[in-house]
PDB file of all heavy atoms in Angstrom:
ATOM      1  N   HIS A   1       0.805  -1.226   0.089  1.00  0.00           N
ATOM      2  CA  HIS A   1      -0.017  -0.028   0.061  1.00  0.00           C
ATOM      3  C   HIS A   1       0.847   1.287  -0.030  1.00  0.00           C
ATOM      4  O   HIS A   1       0.673   2.074  -0.810  1.00  0.00           O
ATOM      5  CB  HIS A   1      -0.983   0.003   1.188  1.00  0.00           C
ATOM      6  CG  HIS A   1      -1.793   1.217   1.265  1.00  0.00           C
ATOM      7  ND1 HIS A   1      -1.383   2.368   1.840  1.00  0.00           N
ATOM      8  CD2 HIS A   1      -3.117   1.438   0.815  1.00  0.00           C
ATOM      9  CE1 HIS A   1      -2.336   3.316   1.708  1.00  0.00           C
ATOM     10  NE2 HIS A   1      -3.411   2.800   1.131  1.00  0.00           N
ATOM     11  N   ASP A   2       1.883   1.461   0.958  1.00  0.00           N
ATOM     12  CA  ASP A   2       2.577   2.584   1.089  1.00  0.00           C
ATOM     13  C   ASP A   2       3.516   2.775  -0.107  1.00  0.00           C
ATOM     14  O   ASP A   2       3.640   3.870  -0.639  1.00  0.00           O
ATOM     15  CB  ASP A   2       3.496   2.394   2.366  1.00  0.00           C
ATOM     16  CG  ASP A   2       2.537   2.445   3.604  1.00  0.00           C
ATOM     17  OD1 ASP A   2       1.322   2.792   3.541  1.00  0.00           O
ATOM     18  OD2 ASP A   2       3.250   2.105   4.689  1.00  0.00           O
ATOM     19  N   SER A   3       4.147   1.705  -0.590  1.00  0.00           N
ATOM     20  CA  SER A   3       4.954   1.778  -1.804  1.00  0.00           C
ATOM     21  C   SER A   3       4.236   2.218  -2.993  1.00  0.00           C
ATOM     22  O   SER A   3       4.650   3.043  -3.838  1.00  0.00           O
ATOM     23  CB  SER A   3       5.640   0.438  -2.149  1.00  0.00           C
ATOM     24  OG  SER A   3       6.514   0.039  -0.999  1.00  0.00           O
ATOM     25  N   ALA A   4       3.072   1.652  -3.241  1.00  0.00           N
ATOM     26  CA  ALA A   4       2.186   1.991  -4.377  1.00  0.00           C
ATOM     27  C   ALA A   4       1.630   3.525  -4.285  1.00  0.00           C
ATOM     28  O   ALA A   4       1.789   4.277  -5.311  1.00  0.00           O
ATOM     29  CB  ALA A   4       0.952   1.099  -4.479  1.00  0.00           C
ATOM     30  N   HIS A   5       1.432   3.953  -3.008  1.00  0.00           N
ATOM     31  CA  HIS A   5       1.024   5.277  -2.928  1.00  0.00           C
ATOM     32  C   HIS A   5       2.153   6.221  -3.222  1.00  0.00           C
ATOM     33  O   HIS A   5       2.001   7.231  -3.892  1.00  0.00           O
ATOM     34  CB  HIS A   5       0.653   5.509  -1.399  1.00  0.00           C
ATOM     35  CG  HIS A   5       0.219   6.877  -1.038  1.00  0.00           C
ATOM     36  ND1 HIS A   5      -0.978   7.389  -1.404  1.00  0.00           N
ATOM     37  CD2 HIS A   5       0.854   7.861  -0.430  1.00  0.00           C
ATOM     38  CE1 HIS A   5      -1.022   8.723  -0.990  1.00  0.00           C
ATOM     39  NE2 HIS A   5       0.183   8.971  -0.351  1.00  0.00           N
ATOM     40  N   SER A   6       3.301   5.941  -2.798  1.00  0.00           N
ATOM     41  CA  SER A   6       4.516   6.733  -2.946  1.00  0.00           C
ATOM     42  C   SER A   6       4.907   6.754  -4.444  1.00  0.00           C
ATOM     43  O   SER A   6       5.254   7.809  -5.010  1.00  0.00           O
ATOM     44  CB  SER A   6       5.770   6.079  -2.205  1.00  0.00           C
ATOM     45  OG  SER A   6       6.881   6.815  -2.431  1.00  0.00           O
ATOM     46  N   LEU A   7       4.872   5.627  -5.098  1.00  0.00           N
ATOM     47  CA  LEU A   7       5.173   5.500  -6.475  1.00  0.00           C
ATOM     48  C   LEU A   7       4.192   6.282  -7.330  1.00  0.00           C
ATOM     49  O   LEU A   7       4.502   6.930  -8.323  1.00  0.00           O
ATOM     50  CB  LEU A   7       5.326   4.145  -7.018  1.00  0.00           C
ATOM     51  CG  LEU A   7       6.029   3.843  -8.185  1.00  0.00           C
ATOM     52  CD1 LEU A   7       7.350   4.483  -8.346  1.00  0.00           C
ATOM     53  CD2 LEU A   7       6.118   2.371  -8.560  1.00  0.00           C
ATOM     54  N   PHE A   8       2.917   6.338  -6.876  1.00  0.00           N
ATOM     55  CA  PHE A   8       1.912   7.034  -7.622  1.00  0.00           C
ATOM     56  C   PHE A   8       2.292   8.450  -7.717  1.00  0.00           C
ATOM     57  O   PHE A   8       2.251   9.043  -8.764  1.00  0.00           O
ATOM     58  CB  PHE A   8       0.448   6.749  -6.894  1.00  0.00           C
ATOM     59  CG  PHE A   8      -0.569   7.642  -7.528  1.00  0.00           C
ATOM     60  CD1 PHE A   8      -1.250   7.185  -8.640  1.00  0.00           C
ATOM     61  CD2 PHE A   8      -0.884   8.908  -7.002  1.00  0.00           C
ATOM     62  CE1 PHE A   8      -2.266   8.055  -9.140  1.00  0.00           C
ATOM     63  CE2 PHE A   8      -1.870   9.738  -7.570  1.00  0.00           C
ATOM     64  CZ  PHE A   8      -2.554   9.226  -8.541  1.00  0.00           C
ATOM     65  N   ALA A   9       2.614   9.126  -6.567  1.00  0.00           N
ATOM     66  CA  ALA A   9       2.897  10.424  -6.524  1.00  0.00           C
ATOM     67  C   ALA A   9       4.149  10.781  -7.456  1.00  0.00           C
ATOM     68  O   ALA A   9       4.111  11.803  -8.208  1.00  0.00           O
ATOM     69  CB  ALA A   9       3.165  10.881  -5.061  1.00  0.00           C
ATOM     70  N   THR A  10       5.130   9.965  -7.272  1.00  0.00           N
ATOM     71  CA  THR A  10       6.388  10.187  -8.140  1.00  0.00           C
ATOM     72  C   THR A  10       6.060  10.064  -9.563  1.00  0.00           C
ATOM     73  O   THR A  10       6.586  10.918 -10.310  1.00  0.00           O
ATOM     74  CB  THR A  10       7.532   9.116  -7.764  1.00  0.00           C
ATOM     75  OG1 THR A  10       7.649   9.266  -6.304  1.00  0.00           O
ATOM     76  CG2 THR A  10       8.707   9.367  -8.513  1.00  0.00           C
ATOM     77  N   THR A  11       5.340   9.048 -10.049  1.00  0.00           N
ATOM     78  CA  THR A  11       5.152   8.840 -11.382  1.00  0.00           C
ATOM     79  C   THR A  11       4.145   9.949 -12.088  1.00  0.00           C
ATOM     80  O   THR A  11       4.465  10.283 -13.107  1.00  0.00           O
ATOM     81  CB  THR A  11       4.453   7.492 -11.644  1.00  0.00           C
ATOM     82  OG1 THR A  11       3.292   7.288 -11.056  1.00  0.00           O
ATOM     83  CG2 THR A  11       5.509   6.373 -11.411  1.00  0.00           C
ATOM     84  N   GLN A  12       3.331  10.565 -11.154  1.00  0.00           N
ATOM     85  CA  GLN A  12       2.452  11.492 -11.798  1.00  0.00           C
ATOM     86  C   GLN A  12       3.208  12.884 -12.163  1.00  0.00           C
ATOM     87  O   GLN A  12       2.726  13.412 -13.022  1.00  0.00           O
ATOM     88  CB  GLN A  12       1.333  11.745 -10.843  1.00  0.00           C
ATOM     89  CG  GLN A  12       0.320  10.528 -10.613  1.00  0.00           C
ATOM     90  CD  GLN A  12      -0.068   9.990 -11.934  1.00  0.00           C
ATOM     91  OE1 GLN A  12      -0.882  10.499 -12.710  1.00  0.00           O
ATOM     92  NE2 GLN A  12       0.529   8.763 -12.220  1.00  0.00           N
ATOM     93  N   ILE A  13       4.190  13.135 -11.362  1.00  0.00           N
ATOM     94  CA  ILE A  13       4.893  14.412 -11.514  1.00  0.00           C
ATOM     95  C   ILE A  13       5.584  14.335 -13.014  1.00  0.00           C
ATOM     96  O   ILE A  13       5.536  15.468 -13.678  1.00  0.00           O
ATOM     97  CB  ILE A  13       6.079  14.594 -10.506  1.00  0.00           C
ATOM     98  CG1 ILE A  13       5.522  14.697  -9.216  1.00  0.00           C
ATOM     99  CG2 ILE A  13       6.924  15.694 -10.937  1.00  0.00           C
ATOM    100  CD1 ILE A  13       5.045  16.137  -8.838  1.00  0.00           C
ATOM    101  N   VAL A  14       6.022  13.244 -13.397  1.00  0.00           N
ATOM    102  CA  VAL A  14       6.561  13.151 -14.666  1.00  0.00           C
ATOM    103  C   VAL A  14       5.712  12.564 -15.753  1.00  0.00           C
ATOM    104  O   VAL A  14       6.116  12.156 -16.807  1.00  0.00           O
ATOM    105  CB  VAL A  14       8.015  12.210 -14.708  1.00  0.00           C
ATOM    106  CG1 VAL A  14       9.038  12.950 -13.790  1.00  0.00           C
ATOM    107  CG2 VAL A  14       7.783  10.883 -14.156  1.00  0.00           C
ATOM    108  N   GLY A  15       4.355  12.522 -15.489  1.00  0.00           N
ATOM    109  CA  GLY A  15       3.589  12.151 -16.473  1.00  0.00           C
ATOM    110  C   GLY A  15       3.355  10.664 -16.833  1.00  0.00           C
ATOM    111  O   GLY A  15       3.054  10.313 -17.979  1.00  0.00           O
ATOM    112  N   VAL A  16       3.671   9.702 -15.931  1.00  0.00           N
ATOM    113  CA  VAL A  16       3.594   8.399 -16.245  1.00  0.00           C
ATOM    114  C   VAL A  16       2.193   7.865 -15.781  1.00  0.00           C
ATOM    115  O   VAL A  16       2.026   7.159 -14.818  1.00  0.00           O
ATOM    116  CB  VAL A  16       4.620   7.517 -15.487  1.00  0.00           C
ATOM    117  CG1 VAL A  16       4.596   6.002 -15.988  1.00  0.00           C
ATOM    118  CG2 VAL A  16       6.065   8.013 -15.794  1.00  0.00           C
ATOM    119  N   SER A  17       1.159   8.432 -16.472  1.00  0.00           N
ATOM    120  CA  SER A  17      -0.192   8.210 -16.096  1.00  0.00           C
ATOM    121  C   SER A  17      -0.656   6.880 -16.492  1.00  0.00           C
ATOM    122  O   SER A  17      -1.711   6.387 -15.934  1.00  0.00           O
ATOM    123  CB  SER A  17      -1.100   9.259 -16.668  1.00  0.00           C
ATOM    124  OG  SER A  17      -0.948   9.227 -18.145  1.00  0.00           O
ATOM    125  N   LYS A  18       0.007   6.171 -17.297  1.00  0.00           N
ATOM    126  CA  LYS A  18      -0.421   4.833 -17.779  1.00  0.00           C
ATOM    127  C   LYS A  18      -0.526   3.770 -16.489  1.00  0.00           C
ATOM    128  O   LYS A  18      -1.255   2.849 -16.736  1.00  0.00           O
ATOM    129  CB  LYS A  18       0.680   4.306 -18.736  1.00  0.00           C
ATOM    130  CG  LYS A  18       0.334   3.065 -19.505  1.00  0.00           C
ATOM    131  CD  LYS A  18       1.289   2.821 -20.490  1.00  0.00           C
ATOM    132  CE  LYS A  18       0.783   1.845 -21.479  1.00  0.00           C
ATOM    133  NZ  LYS A  18       1.361   1.926 -22.889  1.00  0.00           N
ATOM    134  N   ILE A  19       0.125   4.033 -15.423  1.00  0.00           N
ATOM    135  CA  ILE A  19      -0.030   3.152 -14.353  1.00  0.00           C
ATOM    136  C   ILE A  19      -0.628   3.701 -13.119  1.00  0.00           C
ATOM    137  O   ILE A  19      -0.760   3.143 -12.088  1.00  0.00           O
ATOM    138  CB  ILE A  19       1.451   2.628 -13.850  1.00  0.00           C
ATOM    139  CG1 ILE A  19       2.332   3.758 -13.504  1.00  0.00           C
ATOM    140  CG2 ILE A  19       1.960   1.563 -14.858  1.00  0.00           C
ATOM    141  CD1 ILE A  19       3.732   3.323 -12.908  1.00  0.00           C
ATOM    142  N   ALA A  20      -1.277   4.928 -13.308  1.00  0.00           N
ATOM    143  CA  ALA A  20      -2.004   5.637 -12.219  1.00  0.00           C
ATOM    144  C   ALA A  20      -3.038   4.783 -11.617  1.00  0.00           C
ATOM    145  O   ALA A  20      -3.181   4.451 -10.474  1.00  0.00           O
ATOM    146  CB  ALA A  20      -2.580   6.864 -12.702  1.00  0.00           C
ATOM    147  N   LEU A  21      -4.051   4.208 -12.563  1.00  0.00           N
ATOM    148  CA  LEU A  21      -5.112   3.423 -12.067  1.00  0.00           C
ATOM    149  C   LEU A  21      -4.561   2.022 -11.447  1.00  0.00           C
ATOM    150  O   LEU A  21      -4.997   1.663 -10.344  1.00  0.00           O
ATOM    151  CB  LEU A  21      -6.002   3.011 -13.248  1.00  0.00           C
ATOM    152  CG  LEU A  21      -7.185   2.241 -12.914  1.00  0.00           C
ATOM    153  CD1 LEU A  21      -8.105   2.900 -11.805  1.00  0.00           C
ATOM    154  CD2 LEU A  21      -8.000   1.968 -14.161  1.00  0.00           C
ATOM    155  N   THR A  22      -3.656   1.511 -12.030  1.00  0.00           N
ATOM    156  CA  THR A  22      -3.000   0.232 -11.462  1.00  0.00           C
ATOM    157  C   THR A  22      -2.416   0.509 -10.022  1.00  0.00           C
ATOM    158  O   THR A  22      -2.617  -0.360  -9.119  1.00  0.00           O
ATOM    159  CB  THR A  22      -1.880  -0.294 -12.323  1.00  0.00           C
ATOM    160  OG1 THR A  22      -2.452  -0.468 -13.780  1.00  0.00           O
ATOM    161  CG2 THR A  22      -1.409  -1.614 -11.938  1.00  0.00           C
ATOM    162  N   LEU A  23      -1.749   1.566  -9.824  1.00  0.00           N
ATOM    163  CA  LEU A  23      -1.226   1.938  -8.546  1.00  0.00           C
ATOM    164  C   LEU A  23      -2.379   2.115  -7.601  1.00  0.00           C
ATOM    165  O   LEU A  23      -2.288   1.692  -6.349  1.00  0.00           O
ATOM    166  CB  LEU A  23      -0.237   2.981  -8.529  1.00  0.00           C
ATOM    167  CG  LEU A  23       1.080   2.723  -9.279  1.00  0.00           C
ATOM    168  CD1 LEU A  23       1.799   4.032  -9.659  1.00  0.00           C
ATOM    169  CD2 LEU A  23       1.974   1.791  -8.484  1.00  0.00           C
ATOM    170  N   LYS A  24      -3.353   2.834  -7.966  1.00  0.00           N
ATOM    171  CA  LYS A  24      -4.541   2.949  -7.030  1.00  0.00           C
ATOM    172  C   LYS A  24      -5.221   1.643  -6.753  1.00  0.00           C
ATOM    173  O   LYS A  24      -5.578   1.437  -5.530  1.00  0.00           O
ATOM    174  CB  LYS A  24      -5.514   3.942  -7.648  1.00  0.00           C
ATOM    175  CG  LYS A  24      -5.113   5.340  -7.743  1.00  0.00           C
ATOM    176  CD  LYS A  24      -5.049   5.986  -6.240  1.00  0.00           C
ATOM    177  CE  LYS A  24      -4.777   7.462  -6.284  1.00  0.00           C
ATOM    178  NZ  LYS A  24      -4.637   7.924  -4.983  1.00  0.00           N
ATOM    179  N   GLU A  25      -5.313   0.766  -7.742  1.00  0.00           N
ATOM    180  CA  GLU A  25      -5.901  -0.517  -7.547  1.00  0.00           C
ATOM    181  C   GLU A  25      -5.008  -1.332  -6.482  1.00  0.00           C
ATOM    182  O   GLU A  25      -5.563  -2.031  -5.641  1.00  0.00           O
ATOM    183  CB  GLU A  25      -5.971  -1.324  -8.815  1.00  0.00           C
ATOM    184  CG  GLU A  25      -7.080  -0.796  -9.687  1.00  0.00           C
ATOM    185  CD  GLU A  25      -6.993  -1.436 -11.145  1.00  0.00           C
ATOM    186  OE1 GLU A  25      -6.048  -2.081 -11.571  1.00  0.00           O
ATOM    187  OE2 GLU A  25      -8.057  -1.208 -11.790  1.00  0.00           O
ATOM    188  N   LEU A  26      -3.699  -1.338  -6.622  1.00  0.00           N
ATOM    189  CA  LEU A  26      -2.820  -1.943  -5.718  1.00  0.00           C
ATOM    190  C   LEU A  26      -3.013  -1.419  -4.291  1.00  0.00           C
ATOM    191  O   LEU A  26      -3.029  -2.418  -3.361  1.00  0.00           O
ATOM    192  CB  LEU A  26      -1.336  -1.707  -6.081  1.00  0.00           C
ATOM    193  CG  LEU A  26      -0.891  -2.637  -7.248  1.00  0.00           C
ATOM    194  CD1 LEU A  26       0.512  -2.266  -7.796  1.00  0.00           C
ATOM    195  CD2 LEU A  26      -0.850  -4.102  -6.897  1.00  0.00           C
ATOM    196  N   GLN A  27      -3.200  -0.162  -4.087  1.00  0.00           N
ATOM    197  CA  GLN A  27      -3.457   0.358  -2.742  1.00  0.00           C
ATOM    198  C   GLN A  27      -4.761  -0.217  -2.154  1.00  0.00           C
ATOM    199  O   GLN A  27      -4.758  -0.632  -1.037  1.00  0.00           O
ATOM    200  CB  GLN A  27      -3.637   1.890  -2.798  1.00  0.00           C
ATOM    201  CG  GLN A  27      -2.386   2.608  -3.103  1.00  0.00           C
ATOM    202  CD  GLN A  27      -2.462   4.084  -3.213  1.00  0.00           C
ATOM    203  OE1 GLN A  27      -2.843   4.744  -2.223  1.00  0.00           O
ATOM    204  NE2 GLN A  27      -2.175   4.615  -4.390  1.00  0.00           N
ATOM    205  N   LYS A  28      -5.744  -0.403  -2.999  1.00  0.00           N
ATOM    206  CA  LYS A  28      -7.106  -0.906  -2.573  1.00  0.00           C
ATOM    207  C   LYS A  28      -6.962  -2.367  -2.364  1.00  0.00           C
ATOM    208  O   LYS A  28      -7.300  -2.928  -1.269  1.00  0.00           O
ATOM    209  CB  LYS A  28      -8.190  -0.694  -3.686  1.00  0.00           C
ATOM    210  CG  LYS A  28      -9.465  -1.038  -3.294  1.00  0.00           C
ATOM    211  CD  LYS A  28     -10.484  -0.596  -4.284  1.00  0.00           C
ATOM    212  CE  LYS A  28     -11.953  -0.985  -3.934  1.00  0.00           C
ATOM    213  NZ  LYS A  28     -12.300  -2.308  -4.263  1.00  0.00           N
ATOM    214  N   LEU A  29      -6.314  -3.089  -3.280  1.00  0.00           N
ATOM    215  CA  LEU A  29      -6.184  -4.586  -3.113  1.00  0.00           C
ATOM    216  C   LEU A  29      -5.441  -4.966  -1.985  1.00  0.00           C
ATOM    217  O   LEU A  29      -5.719  -6.023  -1.269  1.00  0.00           O
ATOM    218  CB  LEU A  29      -5.533  -5.136  -4.321  1.00  0.00           C
ATOM    219  CG  LEU A  29      -6.411  -5.275  -5.697  1.00  0.00           C
ATOM    220  CD1 LEU A  29      -5.505  -5.510  -6.856  1.00  0.00           C
ATOM    221  CD2 LEU A  29      -7.476  -6.271  -5.625  1.00  0.00           C
ATOM    222  N   SER A  30      -4.530  -4.106  -1.431  1.00  0.00           N
ATOM    223  CA  SER A  30      -3.620  -4.527  -0.394  1.00  0.00           C
ATOM    224  C   SER A  30      -4.334  -4.440   0.981  1.00  0.00           C
ATOM    225  O   SER A  30      -3.859  -4.735   1.979  1.00  0.00           O
ATOM    226  CB  SER A  30      -2.315  -3.720  -0.408  1.00  0.00           C
ATOM    227  OG  SER A  30      -2.652  -2.318  -0.223  1.00  0.00           O
ATOM    228  N   THR A  31      -5.515  -3.654   0.861  1.00  0.00           N
ATOM    229  CA  THR A  31      -6.245  -3.409   2.164  1.00  0.00           C
ATOM    230  C   THR A  31      -7.476  -4.213   2.233  1.00  0.00           C
ATOM    231  O   THR A  31      -8.214  -4.243   3.250  1.00  0.00           O
ATOM    232  CB  THR A  31      -6.584  -1.849   2.275  1.00  0.00           C
ATOM    233  OG1 THR A  31      -7.464  -1.572   1.201  1.00  0.00           O
ATOM    234  CG2 THR A  31      -5.423  -0.980   2.418  1.00  0.00           C
ATOM    235  N   GLU A  32      -7.811  -5.121   1.158  1.00  0.00           N
ATOM    236  CA  GLU A  32      -8.994  -5.873   1.290  1.00  0.00           C
ATOM    237  C   GLU A  32      -8.808  -6.987   2.231  1.00  0.00           C
ATOM    238  O   GLU A  32      -7.648  -7.457   2.371  1.00  0.00           O
ATOM    239  CB  GLU A  32      -9.400  -6.267  -0.097  1.00  0.00           C
ATOM    240  CG  GLU A  32      -9.850  -5.255  -1.086  1.00  0.00           C
ATOM    241  CD  GLU A  32     -10.099  -5.757  -2.445  1.00  0.00           C
ATOM    242  OE1 GLU A  32      -9.897  -6.836  -2.783  1.00  0.00           O
ATOM    243  OE2 GLU A  32     -10.762  -4.954  -3.199  1.00  0.00           O
ATOM    244  N   ALA A  33      -9.969  -7.535   2.759  1.00  0.00           N
ATOM    245  CA  ALA A  33      -9.827  -8.532   3.708  1.00  0.00           C
ATOM    246  C   ALA A  33      -9.325  -9.812   3.089  1.00  0.00           C
ATOM    247  O   ALA A  33      -8.421 -10.518   3.534  1.00  0.00           O
ATOM    248  CB  ALA A  33     -11.253  -8.790   4.269  1.00  0.00           C
ATOM    249  N   GLU A  34      -9.700 -10.068   1.913  1.00  0.00           N
ATOM    250  CA  GLU A  34      -9.368 -11.243   1.136  1.00  0.00           C
ATOM    251  C   GLU A  34      -8.307 -10.819   0.051  1.00  0.00           C
ATOM    252  O   GLU A  34      -8.691 -10.146  -0.861  1.00  0.00           O
ATOM    253  CB  GLU A  34     -10.518 -11.958   0.366  1.00  0.00           C
ATOM    254  CG  GLU A  34     -11.451 -12.680   1.243  1.00  0.00           C
ATOM    255  CD  GLU A  34     -10.907 -13.767   1.976  1.00  0.00           C
ATOM    256  OE1 GLU A  34     -10.166 -14.563   1.494  1.00  0.00           O
ATOM    257  OE2 GLU A  34     -11.282 -13.884   3.226  1.00  0.00           O
ATOM    258  N   LYS A  35      -7.078 -11.086   0.274  1.00  0.00           N
ATOM    259  CA  LYS A  35      -5.904 -10.581  -0.624  1.00  0.00           C
ATOM    260  C   LYS A  35      -5.837 -11.630  -1.742  1.00  0.00           C
ATOM    261  O   LYS A  35      -5.775 -12.813  -1.572  1.00  0.00           O
ATOM    262  CB  LYS A  35      -4.661 -10.592   0.052  1.00  0.00           C
ATOM    263  CG  LYS A  35      -4.685  -9.810   1.394  1.00  0.00           C
ATOM    264  CD  LYS A  35      -4.918  -8.407   1.290  1.00  0.00           C
ATOM    265  CE  LYS A  35      -4.624  -7.605   2.494  1.00  0.00           C
ATOM    266  NZ  LYS A  35      -5.505  -7.697   3.618  1.00  0.00           N
ATOM    267  N   ASP A  36      -5.820 -11.074  -3.047  1.00  0.00           N
ATOM    268  CA  ASP A  36      -5.643 -11.848  -4.195  1.00  0.00           C
ATOM    269  C   ASP A  36      -4.161 -11.713  -4.610  1.00  0.00           C
ATOM    270  O   ASP A  36      -3.833 -10.795  -5.415  1.00  0.00           O
ATOM    271  CB  ASP A  36      -6.543 -11.428  -5.337  1.00  0.00           C
ATOM    272  CG  ASP A  36      -6.525 -12.405  -6.561  1.00  0.00           C
ATOM    273  OD1 ASP A  36      -5.435 -12.973  -6.830  1.00  0.00           O
ATOM    274  OD2 ASP A  36      -7.437 -12.293  -7.447  1.00  0.00           O
ATOM    275  N   TYR A  37      -3.307 -12.483  -4.123  1.00  0.00           N
ATOM    276  CA  TYR A  37      -1.898 -12.516  -4.310  1.00  0.00           C
ATOM    277  C   TYR A  37      -1.535 -12.379  -5.756  1.00  0.00           C
ATOM    278  O   TYR A  37      -0.648 -11.639  -6.230  1.00  0.00           O
ATOM    279  CB  TYR A  37      -1.039 -13.468  -3.574  1.00  0.00           C
ATOM    280  CG  TYR A  37       0.413 -13.366  -3.672  1.00  0.00           C
ATOM    281  CD1 TYR A  37       1.182 -12.433  -3.207  1.00  0.00           C
ATOM    282  CD2 TYR A  37       1.092 -14.273  -4.652  1.00  0.00           C
ATOM    283  CE1 TYR A  37       2.490 -12.252  -3.383  1.00  0.00           C
ATOM    284  CE2 TYR A  37       2.441 -14.232  -4.792  1.00  0.00           C
ATOM    285  CZ  TYR A  37       3.126 -13.169  -4.267  1.00  0.00           C
ATOM    286  OH  TYR A  37       4.487 -13.080  -4.416  1.00  0.00           O
ATOM    287  N   GLU A  38      -1.993 -13.381  -6.484  1.00  0.00           N
ATOM    288  CA  GLU A  38      -1.626 -13.451  -8.001  1.00  0.00           C
ATOM    289  C   GLU A  38      -2.008 -12.242  -8.669  1.00  0.00           C
ATOM    290  O   GLU A  38      -1.294 -11.739  -9.596  1.00  0.00           O
ATOM    291  CB  GLU A  38      -2.363 -14.679  -8.573  1.00  0.00           C
ATOM    292  CG  GLU A  38      -1.668 -16.058  -8.027  1.00  0.00           C
ATOM    293  CD  GLU A  38      -0.088 -16.180  -8.227  1.00  0.00           C
ATOM    294  OE1 GLU A  38       0.502 -15.775  -9.301  1.00  0.00           O
ATOM    295  OE2 GLU A  38       0.590 -16.545  -7.311  1.00  0.00           O
ATOM    296  N   LEU A  39      -3.152 -11.594  -8.437  1.00  0.00           N
ATOM    297  CA  LEU A  39      -3.608 -10.434  -9.094  1.00  0.00           C
ATOM    298  C   LEU A  39      -2.654  -9.239  -8.699  1.00  0.00           C
ATOM    299  O   LEU A  39      -2.238  -8.493  -9.526  1.00  0.00           O
ATOM    300  CB  LEU A  39      -4.988 -10.023  -8.707  1.00  0.00           C
ATOM    301  CG  LEU A  39      -5.560  -8.792  -9.292  1.00  0.00           C
ATOM    302  CD1 LEU A  39      -5.565  -8.823 -10.778  1.00  0.00           C
ATOM    303  CD2 LEU A  39      -7.077  -8.480  -8.695  1.00  0.00           C
ATOM    304  N   ILE A  40      -2.341  -9.137  -7.386  1.00  0.00           N
ATOM    305  CA  ILE A  40      -1.499  -8.099  -6.992  1.00  0.00           C
ATOM    306  C   ILE A  40      -0.138  -8.260  -7.648  1.00  0.00           C
ATOM    307  O   ILE A  40       0.512  -7.419  -8.133  1.00  0.00           O
ATOM    308  CB  ILE A  40      -1.298  -8.106  -5.452  1.00  0.00           C
ATOM    309  CG1 ILE A  40      -2.574  -7.594  -4.794  1.00  0.00           C
ATOM    310  CG2 ILE A  40      -0.061  -7.226  -4.966  1.00  0.00           C
ATOM    311  CD1 ILE A  40      -2.758  -7.883  -3.279  1.00  0.00           C
ATOM    312  N   LYS A  41       0.446  -9.546  -7.637  1.00  0.00           N
ATOM    313  CA  LYS A  41       1.708  -9.794  -8.261  1.00  0.00           C
ATOM    314  C   LYS A  41       1.748  -9.439  -9.801  1.00  0.00           C
ATOM    315  O   LYS A  41       2.639  -8.786 -10.262  1.00  0.00           O
ATOM    316  CB  LYS A  41       2.039 -11.237  -8.088  1.00  0.00           C
ATOM    317  CG  LYS A  41       3.443 -11.637  -8.669  1.00  0.00           C
ATOM    318  CD  LYS A  41       3.634 -13.082  -8.453  1.00  0.00           C
ATOM    319  CE  LYS A  41       4.812 -13.539  -9.286  1.00  0.00           C
ATOM    320  NZ  LYS A  41       4.982 -15.088  -9.247  1.00  0.00           N
ATOM    321  N   SER A  42       0.715  -9.655 -10.461  1.00  0.00           N
ATOM    322  CA  SER A  42       0.665  -9.398 -11.918  1.00  0.00           C
ATOM    323  C   SER A  42       0.681  -7.847 -12.162  1.00  0.00           C
ATOM    324  O   SER A  42       1.185  -7.318 -13.031  1.00  0.00           O
ATOM    325  CB  SER A  42      -0.545  -9.978 -12.627  1.00  0.00           C
ATOM    326  OG  SER A  42      -1.823  -9.543 -12.144  1.00  0.00           O
ATOM    327  N   LYS A  43      -0.092  -7.166 -11.229  1.00  0.00           N
ATOM    328  CA  LYS A  43      -0.197  -5.726 -11.433  1.00  0.00           C
ATOM    329  C   LYS A  43       1.184  -5.005 -11.056  1.00  0.00           C
ATOM    330  O   LYS A  43       1.601  -4.137 -11.692  1.00  0.00           O
ATOM    331  CB  LYS A  43      -1.324  -5.177 -10.452  1.00  0.00           C
ATOM    332  CG  LYS A  43      -2.736  -5.433 -11.026  1.00  0.00           C
ATOM    333  CD  LYS A  43      -3.730  -4.892 -10.184  1.00  0.00           C
ATOM    334  CE  LYS A  43      -5.063  -5.059 -10.748  1.00  0.00           C
ATOM    335  NZ  LYS A  43      -5.356  -4.516 -12.117  1.00  0.00           N
ATOM    336  N   VAL A  44       1.836  -5.601 -10.046  1.00  0.00           N
ATOM    337  CA  VAL A  44       3.225  -5.124  -9.784  1.00  0.00           C
ATOM    338  C   VAL A  44       4.216  -5.353 -10.885  1.00  0.00           C
ATOM    339  O   VAL A  44       5.004  -4.478 -11.184  1.00  0.00           O
ATOM    340  CB  VAL A  44       3.793  -5.699  -8.337  1.00  0.00           C
ATOM    341  CG1 VAL A  44       5.246  -5.423  -8.187  1.00  0.00           C
ATOM    342  CG2 VAL A  44       2.963  -5.261  -7.289  1.00  0.00           C
ATOM    343  N   GLU A  45       4.155  -6.487 -11.538  1.00  0.00           N
ATOM    344  CA  GLU A  45       4.955  -6.827 -12.740  1.00  0.00           C
ATOM    345  C   GLU A  45       4.681  -5.728 -13.808  1.00  0.00           C
ATOM    346  O   GLU A  45       5.547  -5.328 -14.556  1.00  0.00           O
ATOM    347  CB  GLU A  45       4.746  -8.226 -13.271  1.00  0.00           C
ATOM    348  CG  GLU A  45       5.225  -9.245 -12.292  1.00  0.00           C
ATOM    349  CD  GLU A  45       4.770 -10.682 -12.508  1.00  0.00           C
ATOM    350  OE1 GLU A  45       3.913 -10.813 -13.526  1.00  0.00           O
ATOM    351  OE2 GLU A  45       5.271 -11.587 -11.811  1.00  0.00           O
TER     352      GLU A  45
END
């Protein structure tokens, strides 16, 4: 969650908007009660 949040801010400054939604999704997925590790892993990749 924290890394995705930090990377979101960093990437937005230089206009790497292609991963903005993915980073927001990672923040959300990491706080859900049922964690989908494979989905998180594929988004991180």
